[in-house]
Amino acid sequence: MNQMNEVLLHFSILGMAIHITAWKLVGYAGVLIFAGRWIVQIIASHLSERSSFPRLFWYMSLTGSLLLIAYFTFGKNDSVGIMSNLFPGLVAAYNLFLDFRYESRQAKSL
């Protein structure tokens, strides 16, 4: 785990020193996936012409939450970051469970 905290890249922007570690890359990936889910939701809603949350939205929510929880647990040791991503991860997991259960019931009724 200690290798994950080693600086991979170092640069300055506007006088600010930026240090990129493997854990920060995990955090950045989590943020991009978590934020990108809204693009998926907008496209799905636009195509269906009504508010829609496709399964991909929930997969991205869960993946983003898990990556961010890993980052805040192992990379930052930040309980606030962990707690702020735990609830959305649980909501995403529950919605995936409901989606799969609904699909299973639909298949059985045919």
PDB file of N, CA and C in Angstrom:
ATOM      1  N   MET A   1       0.818  -1.197   0.000  1.00  0.00           N
ATOM      2  CA  MET A   1       0.000   0.000   0.000  1.00  0.00           C
ATOM      3  C   MET A   1       0.861   1.259   0.000  1.00  0.00           C
ATOM      4  N   ASN A   2       2.031   1.167   0.609  1.00  0.00           N
ATOM      5  CA  ASN A   2       2.887   2.335   0.718  1.00  0.00           C
ATOM      6  C   ASN A   2       3.326   2.844  -0.649  1.00  0.00           C
ATOM      7  N   GLN A   3       3.501   1.926  -1.610  1.00  0.00           N
ATOM      8  CA  GLN A   3       3.891   2.327  -2.959  1.00  0.00           C
ATOM      9  C   GLN A   3       2.809   3.179  -3.616  1.00  0.00           C
ATOM     10  N   MET A   4       1.585   2.983  -3.214  1.00  0.00           N
ATOM     11  CA  MET A   4       0.473   3.748  -3.791  1.00  0.00           C
ATOM     12  C   MET A   4       0.556   5.222  -3.410  1.00  0.00           C
ATOM     13  N   ASN A   5       1.300   5.548  -2.371  1.00  0.00           N
ATOM     14  CA  ASN A   5       1.436   6.938  -1.927  1.00  0.00           C
ATOM     15  C   ASN A   5       2.679   7.618  -2.479  1.00  0.00           C
ATOM     16  N   GLU A   6       3.484   6.883  -3.254  1.00  0.00           N
ATOM     17  CA  GLU A   6       4.673   7.482  -3.857  1.00  0.00           C
ATOM     18  C   GLU A   6       4.255   8.436  -4.975  1.00  0.00           C
ATOM     19  N   VAL A   7       4.950   9.550  -5.075  1.00  0.00           N
ATOM     20  CA  VAL A   7       4.638  10.560  -6.093  1.00  0.00           C
ATOM     21  C   VAL A   7       5.024  10.020  -7.465  1.00  0.00           C
ATOM     22  N   LEU A   8       4.053   9.973  -8.375  1.00  0.00           N
ATOM     23  CA  LEU A   8       4.285   9.531  -9.749  1.00  0.00           C
ATOM     24  C   LEU A   8       4.594  10.704 -10.661  1.00  0.00           C
ATOM     25  N   LEU A   9       4.001  11.829 -10.352  1.00  0.00           N
ATOM     26  CA  LEU A   9       4.130  13.018 -11.194  1.00  0.00           C
ATOM     27  C   LEU A   9       4.056  14.243 -10.304  1.00  0.00           C
ATOM     28  N   HIS A  10       4.881  15.209 -10.606  1.00  0.00           N
ATOM     29  CA  HIS A  10       4.913  16.440  -9.822  1.00  0.00           C
ATOM     30  C   HIS A  10       5.011  17.617 -10.796  1.00  0.00           C
ATOM     31  N   PHE A  11       4.133  18.600 -10.638  1.00  0.00           N
ATOM     32  CA  PHE A  11       4.198  19.803 -11.472  1.00  0.00           C
ATOM     33  C   PHE A  11       3.553  20.961 -10.730  1.00  0.00           C
ATOM     34  N   SER A  12       3.724  22.147 -11.274  1.00  0.00           N
ATOM     35  CA  SER A  12       3.154  23.352 -10.665  1.00  0.00           C
ATOM     36  C   SER A  12       2.199  24.023 -11.628  1.00  0.00           C
ATOM     37  N   ILE A  13       1.080  24.488 -11.093  1.00  0.00           N
ATOM     38  CA  ILE A  13       0.108  25.265 -11.866  1.00  0.00           C
ATOM     39  C   ILE A  13      -0.214  26.504 -11.048  1.00  0.00           C
ATOM     40  N   LEU A  14      -0.003  27.664 -11.639  1.00  0.00           N
ATOM     41  CA  LEU A  14      -0.275  28.936 -10.974  1.00  0.00           C
ATOM     42  C   LEU A  14       0.376  29.013  -9.595  1.00  0.00           C
ATOM     43  N   GLY A  15       1.588  28.505  -9.498  1.00  0.00           N
ATOM     44  CA  GLY A  15       2.320  28.555  -8.248  1.00  0.00           C
ATOM     45  C   GLY A  15       1.934  27.505  -7.226  1.00  0.00           C
ATOM     46  N   MET A  16       0.995  26.623  -7.580  1.00  0.00           N
ATOM     47  CA  MET A  16       0.578  25.557  -6.671  1.00  0.00           C
ATOM     48  C   MET A  16       1.297  24.268  -7.054  1.00  0.00           C
ATOM     49  N   ALA A  17       1.903  23.593  -6.097  1.00  0.00           N
ATOM     50  CA  ALA A  17       2.571  22.316  -6.346  1.00  0.00           C
ATOM     51  C   ALA A  17       1.526  21.201  -6.381  1.00  0.00           C
ATOM     52  N   ILE A  18       1.542  20.433  -7.429  1.00  0.00           N
ATOM     53  CA  ILE A  18       0.612  19.314  -7.597  1.00  0.00           C
ATOM     54  C   ILE A  18       1.415  18.014  -7.542  1.00  0.00           C
ATOM     55  N   HIS A  19       1.020  17.107  -6.649  1.00  0.00           N
ATOM     56  CA  HIS A  19       1.662  15.802  -6.510  1.00  0.00           C
ATOM     57  C   HIS A  19       0.629  14.737  -6.875  1.00  0.00           C
ATOM     58  N   ILE A  20       0.934  13.923  -7.866  1.00  0.00           N
ATOM     59  CA  ILE A  20       0.017  12.860  -8.287  1.00  0.00           C
ATOM     60  C   ILE A  20       0.566  11.522  -7.795  1.00  0.00           C
ATOM     61  N   THR A  21      -0.261  10.808  -7.022  1.00  0.00           N
ATOM     62  CA  THR A  21       0.085   9.467  -6.545  1.00  0.00           C
ATOM     63  C   THR A  21      -0.895   8.472  -7.165  1.00  0.00           C
ATOM     64  N   ALA A  22      -0.611   7.195  -7.001  1.00  0.00           N
ATOM     65  CA  ALA A  22      -1.532   6.177  -7.510  1.00  0.00           C
ATOM     66  C   ALA A  22      -2.897   6.298  -6.829  1.00  0.00           C
ATOM     67  N   TRP A  23      -2.907   6.616  -5.531  1.00  0.00           N
ATOM     68  CA  TRP A  23      -4.185   6.786  -4.840  1.00  0.00           C
ATOM     69  C   TRP A  23      -4.961   7.976  -5.381  1.00  0.00           C
ATOM     70  N   LYS A  24      -4.261   9.040  -5.744  1.00  0.00           N
ATOM     71  CA  LYS A  24      -4.963  10.178  -6.346  1.00  0.00           C
ATOM     72  C   LYS A  24      -5.557   9.786  -7.688  1.00  0.00           C
ATOM     73  N   LEU A  25      -4.874   8.934  -8.452  1.00  0.00           N
ATOM     74  CA  LEU A  25      -5.434   8.465  -9.715  1.00  0.00           C
ATOM     75  C   LEU A  25      -6.705   7.655  -9.477  1.00  0.00           C
ATOM     76  N   VAL A  26      -6.716   6.853  -8.415  1.00  0.00           N
ATOM     77  CA  VAL A  26      -7.932   6.117  -8.039  1.00  0.00           C
ATOM     78  C   VAL A  26      -9.041   7.110  -7.698  1.00  0.00           C
ATOM     79  N   GLY A  27      -8.715   8.142  -6.929  1.00  0.00           N
ATOM     80  CA  GLY A  27      -9.699   9.167  -6.571  1.00  0.00           C
ATOM     81  C   GLY A  27     -10.212   9.922  -7.781  1.00  0.00           C
ATOM     82  N   TYR A  28      -9.303  10.297  -8.682  1.00  0.00           N
ATOM     83  CA  TYR A  28      -9.722  10.999  -9.909  1.00  0.00           C
ATOM     84  C   TYR A  28     -10.646  10.124 -10.753  1.00  0.00           C
ATOM     85  N   ALA A  29     -10.307   8.834 -10.870  1.00  0.00           N
ATOM     86  CA  ALA A  29     -11.163   7.916 -11.637  1.00  0.00           C
ATOM     87  C   ALA A  29     -12.547   7.834 -11.002  1.00  0.00           C
ATOM     88  N   GLY A  30     -12.592   7.751  -9.671  1.00  0.00           N
ATOM     89  CA  GLY A  30     -13.881   7.708  -8.970  1.00  0.00           C
ATOM     90  C   GLY A  30     -14.708   8.946  -9.223  1.00  0.00           C
ATOM     91  N   VAL A  31     -14.077  10.102  -9.162  1.00  0.00           N
ATOM     92  CA  VAL A  31     -14.793  11.366  -9.407  1.00  0.00           C
ATOM     93  C   VAL A  31     -15.310  11.425 -10.839  1.00  0.00           C
ATOM     94  N   LEU A  32     -14.471  11.033 -11.804  1.00  0.00           N
ATOM     95  CA  LEU A  32     -14.896  11.070 -13.214  1.00  0.00           C
ATOM     96  C   LEU A  32     -16.060  10.119 -13.477  1.00  0.00           C
ATOM     97  N   ILE A  33     -15.983   8.918 -12.936  1.00  0.00           N
ATOM     98  CA  ILE A  33     -17.074   7.956 -13.124  1.00  0.00           C
ATOM     99  C   ILE A  33     -18.334   8.435 -12.406  1.00  0.00           C
ATOM    100  N   PHE A  34     -18.172   8.900 -11.178  1.00  0.00           N
ATOM    101  CA  PHE A  34     -19.314   9.352 -10.391  1.00  0.00           C
ATOM    102  C   PHE A  34     -19.995  10.549 -11.050  1.00  0.00           C
ATOM    103  N   ALA A  35     -19.216  11.493 -11.563  1.00  0.00           N
ATOM    104  CA  ALA A  35     -19.791  12.659 -12.246  1.00  0.00           C
ATOM    105  C   ALA A  35     -20.334  12.279 -13.622  1.00  0.00           C
ATOM    106  N   GLY A  36     -19.652  11.378 -14.303  1.00  0.00           N
ATOM    107  CA  GLY A  36     -20.067  10.978 -15.652  1.00  0.00           C
ATOM    108  C   GLY A  36     -21.404  10.273 -15.694  1.00  0.00           C
ATOM    109  N   ARG A  37     -21.833   9.733 -14.581  1.00  0.00           N
ATOM    110  CA  ARG A  37     -23.136   9.047 -14.550  1.00  0.00           C
ATOM    111  C   ARG A  37     -24.269   9.994 -14.907  1.00  0.00           C
ATOM    112  N   TRP A  38     -24.083  11.292 -14.625  1.00  0.00           N
ATOM    113  CA  TRP A  38     -25.134  12.261 -14.941  1.00  0.00           C
ATOM    114  C   TRP A  38     -25.251  12.466 -16.445  1.00  0.00           C
ATOM    115  N   ILE A  39     -24.170  12.330 -17.164  1.00  0.00           N
ATOM    116  CA  ILE A  39     -24.241  12.406 -18.633  1.00  0.00           C
ATOM    117  C   ILE A  39     -25.051  11.227 -19.155  1.00  0.00           C
ATOM    118  N   VAL A  40     -24.813  10.046 -18.581  1.00  0.00           N
ATOM    119  CA  VAL A  40     -25.585   8.855 -18.955  1.00  0.00           C
ATOM    120  C   VAL A  40     -27.072   9.083 -18.663  1.00  0.00           C
ATOM    121  N   GLN A  41     -27.368   9.672 -17.515  1.00  0.00           N
ATOM    122  CA  GLN A  41     -28.764   9.906 -17.138  1.00  0.00           C
ATOM    123  C   GLN A  41     -29.424  10.918 -18.073  1.00  0.00           C
ATOM    124  N   ILE A  42     -28.716  11.967 -18.437  1.00  0.00           N
ATOM    125  CA  ILE A  42     -29.266  12.976 -19.348  1.00  0.00           C
ATOM    126  C   ILE A  42     -29.561  12.364 -20.712  1.00  0.00           C
ATOM    127  N   ILE A  43     -28.637  11.576 -21.223  1.00  0.00           N
ATOM    128  CA  ILE A  43     -28.837  10.936 -22.537  1.00  0.00           C
ATOM    129  C   ILE A  43     -30.025   9.979 -22.479  1.00  0.00           C
ATOM    130  N   ALA A  44     -30.110   9.156 -21.425  1.00  0.00           N
ATOM    131  CA  ALA A  44     -31.231   8.217 -21.298  1.00  0.00           C
ATOM    132  C   ALA A  44     -32.559   8.949 -21.208  1.00  0.00           C
ATOM    133  N   SER A  45     -32.600  10.023 -20.447  1.00  0.00           N
ATOM    134  CA  SER A  45     -33.838  10.805 -20.322  1.00  0.00           C
ATOM    135  C   SER A  45     -34.205  11.462 -21.643  1.00  0.00           C
ATOM    136  N   HIS A  46     -33.223  11.980 -22.332  1.00  0.00           N
ATOM    137  CA  HIS A  46     -33.476  12.613 -23.626  1.00  0.00           C
ATOM    138  C   HIS A  46     -34.042  11.595 -24.620  1.00  0.00           C
ATOM    139  N   LEU A  47     -33.444  10.414 -24.661  1.00  0.00           N
ATOM    140  CA  LEU A  47     -33.895   9.391 -25.610  1.00  0.00           C
ATOM    141  C   LEU A  47     -35.286   8.860 -25.283  1.00  0.00           C
ATOM    142  N   SER A  48     -35.615   8.753 -23.992  1.00  0.00           N
ATOM    143  CA  SER A  48     -36.939   8.233 -23.607  1.00  0.00           C
ATOM    144  C   SER A  48     -37.970   9.348 -23.463  1.00  0.00           C
ATOM    145  N   GLU A  49     -37.515  10.593 -23.564  1.00  0.00           N
ATOM    146  CA  GLU A  49     -38.379  11.768 -23.441  1.00  0.00           C
ATOM    147  C   GLU A  49     -39.104  11.830 -22.098  1.00  0.00           C
ATOM    148  N   ARG A  50     -38.466  11.267 -21.073  1.00  0.00           N
ATOM    149  CA  ARG A  50     -38.953  11.344 -19.700  1.00  0.00           C
ATOM    150  C   ARG A  50     -37.765  11.086 -18.782  1.00  0.00           C
ATOM    151  N   SER A  51     -37.904  11.428 -17.527  1.00  0.00           N
ATOM    152  CA  SER A  51     -36.824  11.188 -16.580  1.00  0.00           C
ATOM    153  C   SER A  51     -36.550   9.691 -16.478  1.00  0.00           C
ATOM    154  N   SER A  52     -35.289   9.325 -16.628  1.00  0.00           N
ATOM    155  CA  SER A  52     -34.932   7.911 -16.653  1.00  0.00           C
ATOM    156  C   SER A  52     -33.565   7.704 -16.017  1.00  0.00           C
ATOM    157  N   PHE A  53     -33.441   6.636 -15.251  1.00  0.00           N
ATOM    158  CA  PHE A  53     -32.171   6.254 -14.650  1.00  0.00           C
ATOM    159  C   PHE A  53     -31.835   4.840 -15.108  1.00  0.00           C
ATOM    160  N   PRO A  54     -31.011   4.717 -16.135  1.00  0.00           N
ATOM    161  CA  PRO A  54     -30.677   3.385 -16.643  1.00  0.00           C
ATOM    162  C   PRO A  54     -29.758   2.634 -15.683  1.00  0.00           C
ATOM    163  N   ARG A  55     -29.671   1.327 -15.875  1.00  0.00           N
ATOM    164  CA  ARG A  55     -28.835   0.496 -15.018  1.00  0.00           C
ATOM    165  C   ARG A  55     -27.382   0.981 -15.018  1.00  0.00           C
ATOM    166  N   LEU A  56     -26.900   1.477 -16.154  1.00  0.00           N
ATOM    167  CA  LEU A  56     -25.532   1.980 -16.232  1.00  0.00           C
ATOM    168  C   LEU A  56     -25.293   3.108 -15.228  1.00  0.00           C
ATOM    169  N   PHE A  57     -26.295   3.947 -15.013  1.00  0.00           N
ATOM    170  CA  PHE A  57     -26.191   5.016 -14.019  1.00  0.00           C
ATOM    171  C   PHE A  57     -25.852   4.437 -12.648  1.00  0.00           C
ATOM    172  N   TRP A  58     -26.553   3.350 -12.266  1.00  0.00           N
ATOM    173  CA  TRP A  58     -26.338   2.756 -10.955  1.00  0.00           C
ATOM    174  C   TRP A  58     -24.995   2.036 -10.887  1.00  0.00           C
ATOM    175  N   TYR A  59     -24.591   1.396 -11.987  1.00  0.00           N
ATOM    176  CA  TYR A  59     -23.254   0.793 -12.019  1.00  0.00           C
ATOM    177  C   TYR A  59     -22.179   1.864 -11.838  1.00  0.00           C
ATOM    178  N   MET A  60     -22.319   2.970 -12.528  1.00  0.00           N
ATOM    179  CA  MET A  60     -21.343   4.050 -12.408  1.00  0.00           C
ATOM    180  C   MET A  60     -21.369   4.658 -11.008  1.00  0.00           C
ATOM    181  N   SER A  61     -22.548   4.781 -10.420  1.00  0.00           N
ATOM    182  CA  SER A  61     -22.662   5.292  -9.048  1.00  0.00           C
ATOM    183  C   SER A  61     -21.926   4.384  -8.073  1.00  0.00           C
ATOM    184  N   LEU A  62     -22.170   3.089  -8.183  1.00  0.00           N
ATOM    185  CA  LEU A  62     -21.537   2.135  -7.280  1.00  0.00           C
ATOM    186  C   LEU A  62     -20.023   2.092  -7.493  1.00  0.00           C
ATOM    187  N   THR A  63     -19.588   2.053  -8.741  1.00  0.00           N
ATOM    188  CA  THR A  63     -18.157   2.014  -9.043  1.00  0.00           C
ATOM    189  C   THR A  63     -17.462   3.277  -8.556  1.00  0.00           C
ATOM    190  N   GLY A  64     -18.039   4.429  -8.860  1.00  0.00           N
ATOM    191  CA  GLY A  64     -17.462   5.690  -8.402  1.00  0.00           C
ATOM    192  C   GLY A  64     -17.386   5.764  -6.893  1.00  0.00           C
ATOM    193  N   SER A  65     -18.449   5.343  -6.215  1.00  0.00           N
ATOM    194  CA  SER A  65     -18.458   5.350  -4.749  1.00  0.00           C
ATOM    195  C   SER A  65     -17.385   4.432  -4.185  1.00  0.00           C
ATOM    196  N   LEU A  66     -17.260   3.224  -4.740  1.00  0.00           N
ATOM    197  CA  LEU A  66     -16.259   2.281  -4.243  1.00  0.00           C
ATOM    198  C   LEU A  66     -14.836   2.804  -4.452  1.00  0.00           C
ATOM    199  N   LEU A  67     -14.584   3.391  -5.624  1.00  0.00           N
ATOM    200  CA  LEU A  67     -13.258   3.961  -5.869  1.00  0.00           C
ATOM    201  C   LEU A  67     -12.961   5.107  -4.908  1.00  0.00           C
ATOM    202  N   LEU A  68     -13.946   5.965  -4.684  1.00  0.00           N
ATOM    203  CA  LEU A  68     -13.741   7.082  -3.765  1.00  0.00           C
ATOM    204  C   LEU A  68     -13.605   6.622  -2.317  1.00  0.00           C
ATOM    205  N   ILE A  69     -14.351   5.600  -1.935  1.00  0.00           N
ATOM    206  CA  ILE A  69     -14.195   5.049  -0.585  1.00  0.00           C
ATOM    207  C   ILE A  69     -12.789   4.467  -0.423  1.00  0.00           C
ATOM    208  N   ALA A  70     -12.306   3.759  -1.446  1.00  0.00           N
ATOM    209  CA  ALA A  70     -10.940   3.225  -1.391  1.00  0.00           C
ATOM    210  C   ALA A  70      -9.933   4.355  -1.262  1.00  0.00           C
ATOM    211  N   TYR A  71     -10.109   5.403  -2.060  1.00  0.00           N
ATOM    212  CA  TYR A  71      -9.194   6.545  -2.001  1.00  0.00           C
ATOM    213  C   TYR A  71      -9.208   7.193  -0.614  1.00  0.00           C
ATOM    214  N   PHE A  72     -10.400   7.463  -0.091  1.00  0.00           N
ATOM    215  CA  PHE A  72     -10.486   8.134   1.203  1.00  0.00           C
ATOM    216  C   PHE A  72     -10.080   7.215   2.362  1.00  0.00           C
ATOM    217  N   THR A  73     -10.187   5.898   2.179  1.00  0.00           N
ATOM    218  CA  THR A  73      -9.779   4.959   3.222  1.00  0.00           C
ATOM    219  C   THR A  73      -8.265   4.771   3.232  1.00  0.00           C
ATOM    220  N   PHE A  74      -7.708   4.427   2.073  1.00  0.00           N
ATOM    221  CA  PHE A  74      -6.301   4.051   2.009  1.00  0.00           C
ATOM    222  C   PHE A  74      -5.383   5.192   1.573  1.00  0.00           C
ATOM    223  N   GLY A  75      -5.886   6.091   0.767  1.00  0.00           N
ATOM    224  CA  GLY A  75      -5.054   7.173   0.260  1.00  0.00           C
ATOM    225  C   GLY A  75      -5.008   8.382   1.167  1.00  0.00           C
ATOM    226  N   LYS A  76      -6.140   8.714   1.779  1.00  0.00           N
ATOM    227  CA  LYS A  76      -6.223   9.938   2.590  1.00  0.00           C
ATOM    228  C   LYS A  76      -6.491   9.675   4.068  1.00  0.00           C
ATOM    229  N   ASN A  77      -7.051   8.514   4.385  1.00  0.00           N
ATOM    230  CA  ASN A  77      -7.490   8.217   5.748  1.00  0.00           C
ATOM    231  C   ASN A  77      -8.410   9.338   6.242  1.00  0.00           C
ATOM    232  N   ASP A  78      -9.468   9.581   5.457  1.00  0.00           N
ATOM    233  CA  ASP A  78     -10.380  10.705   5.691  1.00  0.00           C
ATOM    234  C   ASP A  78     -11.791  10.170   5.923  1.00  0.00           C
ATOM    235  N   SER A  79     -12.244  10.196   7.175  1.00  0.00           N
ATOM    236  CA  SER A  79     -13.553   9.644   7.513  1.00  0.00           C
ATOM    237  C   SER A  79     -14.697  10.439   6.890  1.00  0.00           C
ATOM    238  N   VAL A  80     -14.521  11.730   6.676  1.00  0.00           N
ATOM    239  CA  VAL A  80     -15.572  12.541   6.053  1.00  0.00           C
ATOM    240  C   VAL A  80     -15.775  12.086   4.606  1.00  0.00           C
ATOM    241  N   GLY A  81     -14.693  11.874   3.889  1.00  0.00           N
ATOM    242  CA  GLY A  81     -14.789  11.390   2.506  1.00  0.00           C
ATOM    243  C   GLY A  81     -15.409  10.008   2.434  1.00  0.00           C
ATOM    244  N   ILE A  82     -15.065   9.156   3.389  1.00  0.00           N
ATOM    245  CA  ILE A  82     -15.640   7.807   3.425  1.00  0.00           C
ATOM    246  C   ILE A  82     -17.147   7.893   3.634  1.00  0.00           C
ATOM    247  N   MET A  83     -17.557   8.647   4.642  1.00  0.00           N
ATOM    248  CA  MET A  83     -18.982   8.758   4.953  1.00  0.00           C
ATOM    249  C   MET A  83     -19.774   9.414   3.823  1.00  0.00           C
ATOM    250  N   SER A  84     -19.179  10.386   3.152  1.00  0.00           N
ATOM    251  CA  SER A  84     -19.909  11.083   2.085  1.00  0.00           C
ATOM    252  C   SER A  84     -20.087  10.220   0.846  1.00  0.00           C
ATOM    253  N   ASN A  85     -19.339   9.135   0.735  1.00  0.00           N
ATOM    254  CA  ASN A  85     -19.488   8.245  -0.418  1.00  0.00           C
ATOM    255  C   ASN A  85     -20.121   6.909  -0.063  1.00  0.00           C
ATOM    256  N   LEU A  86     -20.245   6.621   1.210  1.00  0.00           N
ATOM    257  CA  LEU A  86     -20.840   5.364   1.643  1.00  0.00           C
ATOM    258  C   LEU A  86     -22.336   5.312   1.328  1.00  0.00           C
ATOM    259  N   PHE A  87     -23.066   6.359   1.674  1.00  0.00           N
ATOM    260  CA  PHE A  87     -24.513   6.360   1.441  1.00  0.00           C
ATOM    261  C   PHE A  87     -24.865   6.267  -0.050  1.00  0.00           C
ATOM    262  N   PRO A  88     -24.257   7.083  -0.936  1.00  0.00           N
ATOM    263  CA  PRO A  88     -24.575   6.927  -2.364  1.00  0.00           C
ATOM    264  C   PRO A  88     -24.239   5.529  -2.889  1.00  0.00           C
ATOM    265  N   GLY A  89     -23.186   4.914  -2.371  1.00  0.00           N
ATOM    266  CA  GLY A  89     -22.849   3.555  -2.791  1.00  0.00           C
ATOM    267  C   GLY A  89     -23.918   2.559  -2.379  1.00  0.00           C
ATOM    268  N   LEU A  90     -24.420   2.713  -1.155  1.00  0.00           N
ATOM    269  CA  LEU A  90     -25.487   1.823  -0.686  1.00  0.00           C
ATOM    270  C   LEU A  90     -26.780   2.033  -1.475  1.00  0.00           C
ATOM    271  N   VAL A  91     -27.093   3.273  -1.801  1.00  0.00           N
ATOM    272  CA  VAL A  91     -28.291   3.570  -2.598  1.00  0.00           C
ATOM    273  C   VAL A  91     -28.161   2.944  -3.991  1.00  0.00           C
ATOM    274  N   ALA A  92     -26.989   3.063  -4.593  1.00  0.00           N
ATOM    275  CA  ALA A  92     -26.764   2.480  -5.917  1.00  0.00           C
ATOM    276  C   ALA A  92     -26.894   0.956  -5.868  1.00  0.00           C
ATOM    277  N   ALA A  93     -26.303   0.336  -4.850  1.00  0.00           N
ATOM    278  CA  ALA A  93     -26.393  -1.123  -4.713  1.00  0.00           C
ATOM    279  C   ALA A  93     -27.843  -1.555  -4.537  1.00  0.00           C
ATOM    280  N   TYR A  94     -28.602  -0.821  -3.736  1.00  0.00           N
ATOM    281  CA  TYR A  94     -30.013  -1.154  -3.524  1.00  0.00           C
ATOM    282  C   TYR A  94     -30.818  -1.004  -4.814  1.00  0.00           C
ATOM    283  N   ASN A  95     -30.567   0.056  -5.561  1.00  0.00           N
ATOM    284  CA  ASN A  95     -31.283   0.245  -6.819  1.00  0.00           C
ATOM    285  C   ASN A  95     -30.930  -0.829  -7.848  1.00  0.00           C
ATOM    286  N   LEU A  96     -29.681  -1.267  -7.870  1.00  0.00           N
ATOM    287  CA  LEU A  96     -29.317  -2.386  -8.751  1.00  0.00           C
ATOM    288  C   LEU A  96     -30.033  -3.656  -8.318  1.00  0.00           C
ATOM    289  N   PHE A  97     -30.103  -3.901  -7.018  1.00  0.00           N
ATOM    290  CA  PHE A  97     -30.836  -5.051  -6.499  1.00  0.00           C
ATOM    291  C   PHE A  97     -32.295  -5.008  -6.944  1.00  0.00           C
ATOM    292  N   LEU A  98     -32.934  -3.836  -6.789  1.00  0.00           N
ATOM    293  CA  LEU A  98     -34.333  -3.701  -7.215  1.00  0.00           C
ATOM    294  C   LEU A  98     -34.493  -3.925  -8.713  1.00  0.00           C
ATOM    295  N   ASP A  99     -33.563  -3.400  -9.491  1.00  0.00           N
ATOM    296  CA  ASP A  99     -33.623  -3.537 -10.949  1.00  0.00           C
ATOM    297  C   ASP A  99     -33.502  -5.000 -11.368  1.00  0.00           C
ATOM    298  N   PHE A 100     -32.556  -5.716 -10.762  1.00  0.00           N
ATOM    299  CA  PHE A 100     -32.391  -7.136 -11.084  1.00  0.00           C
ATOM    300  C   PHE A 100     -33.587  -7.956 -10.618  1.00  0.00           C
ATOM    301  N   ARG A 101     -34.136  -7.625  -9.445  1.00  0.00           N
ATOM    302  CA  ARG A 101     -35.307  -8.353  -8.945  1.00  0.00           C
ATOM    303  C   ARG A 101     -36.508  -8.124  -9.845  1.00  0.00           C
ATOM    304  N   TYR A 102     -36.704  -6.891 -10.301  1.00  0.00           N
ATOM    305  CA  TYR A 102     -37.806  -6.585 -11.211  1.00  0.00           C
ATOM    306  C   TYR A 102     -37.644  -7.352 -12.519  1.00  0.00           C
ATOM    307  N   GLU A 103     -36.431  -7.348 -13.051  1.00  0.00           N
ATOM    308  CA  GLU A 103     -36.167  -8.064 -14.302  1.00  0.00           C
ATOM    309  C   GLU A 103     -36.418  -9.559 -14.145  1.00  0.00           C
ATOM    310  N   SER A 104     -36.041 -10.128 -13.008  1.00  0.00           N
ATOM    311  CA  SER A 104     -36.262 -11.544 -12.740  1.00  0.00           C
ATOM    312  C   SER A 104     -37.756 -11.863 -12.666  1.00  0.00           C
ATOM    313  N   ARG A 105     -38.513 -10.998 -12.014  1.00  0.00           N
ATOM    314  CA  ARG A 105     -39.958 -11.202 -11.914  1.00  0.00           C
ATOM    315  C   ARG A 105     -40.619 -11.093 -13.281  1.00  0.00           C
ATOM    316  N   GLN A 106     -40.154 -10.161 -14.102  1.00  0.00           N
ATOM    317  CA  GLN A 106     -40.703 -10.008 -15.457  1.00  0.00           C
ATOM    318  C   GLN A 106     -40.431 -11.260 -16.278  1.00  0.00           C
ATOM    319  N   ALA A 107     -39.240 -11.818 -16.159  1.00  0.00           N
ATOM    320  CA  ALA A 107     -38.879 -13.022 -16.917  1.00  0.00           C
ATOM    321  C   ALA A 107     -39.718 -14.205 -16.479  1.00  0.00           C
ATOM    322  N   LYS A 108     -40.010 -14.320 -15.183  1.00  0.00           N
ATOM    323  CA  LYS A 108     -40.814 -15.429 -14.668  1.00  0.00           C
ATOM    324  C   LYS A 108     -42.262 -15.317 -15.100  1.00  0.00           C
ATOM    325  N   SER A 109     -42.759 -14.131 -15.324  1.00  0.00           N
ATOM    326  CA  SER A 109     -44.166 -13.945 -15.687  1.00  0.00           C
ATOM    327  C   SER A 109     -44.428 -14.213 -17.165  1.00  0.00           C
ATOM    328  N   LEU A 110     -43.381 -14.396 -17.937  1.00  0.00           N
ATOM    329  CA  LEU A 110     -43.565 -14.660 -19.375  1.00  0.00           C
ATOM    330  C   LEU A 110     -43.823 -16.090 -19.665  1.00  0.00           C
TER     331      LEU A 110
END
